[in-house]
Amino acid sequence: MKTGCWLFVGAQHAAGVGGAIHYASPRLRRDGNNQTANLATDFLQLIKYVADGKKADVLELQLKLDQSEQSKISIQNEAKKISDEMDHVRNELEVSRMKEEANTRLIEEYRARLGLSTS
């Protein structure tokens, strides 16, 4: 079908891995001379610019994700260290309580042997 129009179409899928495609109608190629080739080149440069920008965004997000993961690991390690220290302090406290109870029983036993009241 002949339309007699000047037509240029360019396309690139955003997630596409192949090259962009473009079409210029015979009349546009004939009447546009070198400008038609420049139009195609400009379109391909635009697509490259947009694709590179998306890659840069992805790389920046990946960097932020990696930094977040490192922070998370660091925080988890610090939390584990604090938890271990708390467990150690709890164990020492329990040992101290047991010693205090043993000393209290010993004092009560001595008082009973000596006939002293516990009031």
Protein backbone atom coordinates (compact mmCIF):
# COMPACT_ATOMS: atom_id res chain seq x y z
CA MET A 1 0.00 0.00 0.00
CA LYS A 2 1.36 3.39 -0.93
CA THR A 3 0.56 6.28 1.37
CA GLY A 4 2.89 8.88 -0.02
CA CYS A 5 3.75 10.00 3.53
CA TRP A 6 7.05 10.53 5.22
CA LEU A 7 7.24 7.88 7.90
CA PHE A 8 9.89 7.02 10.47
CA VAL A 9 9.36 4.40 13.17
CA GLY A 10 11.89 3.34 15.77
CA ALA A 11 11.50 0.84 18.59
CA GLN A 12 13.47 -0.80 21.37
CA HIS A 13 12.01 -2.92 24.13
CA ALA A 14 13.10 -1.56 27.52
CA ALA A 15 14.27 -4.99 28.67
CA GLY A 16 15.43 -6.09 25.23
CA VAL A 17 18.89 -7.43 24.72
CA GLY A 18 18.90 -7.06 20.94
CA GLY A 19 19.42 -3.89 19.01
CA ALA A 20 16.81 -1.26 18.32
CA ILE A 21 14.90 -1.42 15.06
CA HIS A 22 13.84 1.42 12.83
CA TYR A 23 12.09 1.98 9.54
CA ALA A 24 12.07 4.95 7.21
CA SER A 25 9.58 5.03 4.35
CA PRO A 26 10.95 5.12 0.80
CA ARG A 27 9.66 8.65 0.29
CA LEU A 28 11.35 9.88 3.50
CA ARG A 29 14.62 8.22 2.49
CA ARG A 30 14.38 9.77 -0.97
CA ASP A 31 13.28 13.26 0.05
CA GLY A 32 15.23 13.44 3.31
CA ASN A 33 18.62 12.58 1.83
CA ASN A 34 21.29 12.42 4.55
CA GLN A 35 18.94 13.75 7.22
CA THR A 36 17.09 10.42 7.27
CA ALA A 37 20.32 8.60 8.15
CA ASN A 38 20.97 11.21 10.86
CA LEU A 39 17.48 10.64 12.24
CA ALA A 40 18.19 6.92 12.59
CA THR A 41 21.57 7.60 14.20
CA ASP A 42 20.03 10.08 16.64
CA PHE A 43 17.35 7.55 17.54
CA LEU A 44 19.94 4.83 18.22
CA GLN A 45 22.02 7.25 20.34
CA LEU A 46 18.92 8.16 22.32
CA ILE A 47 18.17 4.49 22.97
CA LYS A 48 21.78 3.89 24.08
CA TYR A 49 21.59 6.91 26.41
CA VAL A 50 18.33 5.69 27.97
CA ALA A 51 19.62 2.11 28.32
CA ASP A 52 22.88 3.29 29.91
CA GLY A 53 20.86 5.46 32.31
CA LYS A 54 18.80 2.44 33.35
CA LYS A 55 21.99 0.43 33.88
CA ALA A 56 23.41 3.24 36.02
CA ASP A 57 20.22 3.28 38.09
CA VAL A 58 20.41 -0.49 38.56
CA LEU A 59 24.08 -0.28 39.53
CA GLU A 60 23.36 2.49 42.02
CA LEU A 61 20.50 0.49 43.55
CA GLN A 62 22.70 -2.62 43.69
CA LEU A 63 25.41 -0.61 45.47
CA LYS A 64 22.87 0.68 48.00
CA LEU A 65 21.56 -2.85 48.51
CA ASP A 66 25.09 -4.17 49.07
CA GLN A 67 25.77 -1.39 51.58
CA SER A 68 22.50 -2.17 53.38
CA GLU A 69 23.40 -5.86 53.51
CA GLN A 70 26.81 -5.03 54.98
CA SER A 71 25.18 -2.75 57.58
CA LYS A 72 22.68 -5.47 58.41
CA ILE A 73 25.46 -8.03 58.89
CA SER A 74 27.43 -5.59 61.04
CA ILE A 75 24.38 -4.85 63.19
CA GLN A 76 23.59 -8.56 63.53
CA ASN A 77 27.18 -9.28 64.59
CA GLU A 78 27.05 -6.47 67.15
CA ALA A 79 23.69 -7.74 68.44
CA LYS A 80 25.13 -11.27 68.76
CA LYS A 81 28.12 -9.90 70.67
CA ILE A 82 25.85 -7.97 73.06
CA SER A 83 23.60 -11.01 73.50
CA ASP A 84 26.61 -13.18 74.33
CA GLU A 85 27.82 -10.59 76.85
CA MET A 86 24.36 -10.47 78.43
CA ASP A 87 24.32 -14.28 78.69
CA HIS A 88 27.73 -14.15 80.39
CA VAL A 89 26.52 -11.50 82.87
CA ARG A 90 23.35 -13.54 83.58
CA ASN A 91 25.48 -16.62 84.27
CA GLU A 92 27.74 -14.65 86.61
CA LEU A 93 24.66 -13.25 88.37
CA GLU A 94 23.24 -16.75 88.80
CA VAL A 95 26.55 -17.99 90.22
CA SER A 96 26.57 -15.02 92.64
CA ARG A 97 22.99 -15.81 93.73
CA MET A 98 23.87 -19.43 94.34
CA LYS A 99 26.91 -18.40 96.42
CA GLU A 100 24.78 -15.93 98.39
CA GLU A 101 22.17 -18.62 99.08
CA ALA A 102 24.89 -21.04 100.17
CA ASN A 103 26.41 -18.38 102.46
CA THR A 104 22.95 -17.55 103.88
CA ARG A 105 22.34 -21.25 104.65
CA LEU A 106 25.79 -21.50 106.24
CA ILE A 107 25.11 -18.43 108.41
CA GLU A 108 21.75 -19.90 109.48
CA GLU A 109 23.44 -23.17 110.31
CA TYR A 110 26.08 -21.37 112.45
CA ARG A 111 23.37 -19.36 114.20
CA ALA A 112 21.45 -22.50 114.94
CA ARG A 113 24.59 -24.17 116.34
CA LEU A 114 25.32 -21.14 118.47
CA GLY A 115 21.72 -20.83 119.58
CA LEU A 116 21.27 -17.36 118.17
CA SER A 117 17.87 -16.21 117.03
CA THR A 118 17.20 -15.42 113.36
CA SER A 119 15.10 -12.30 113.99
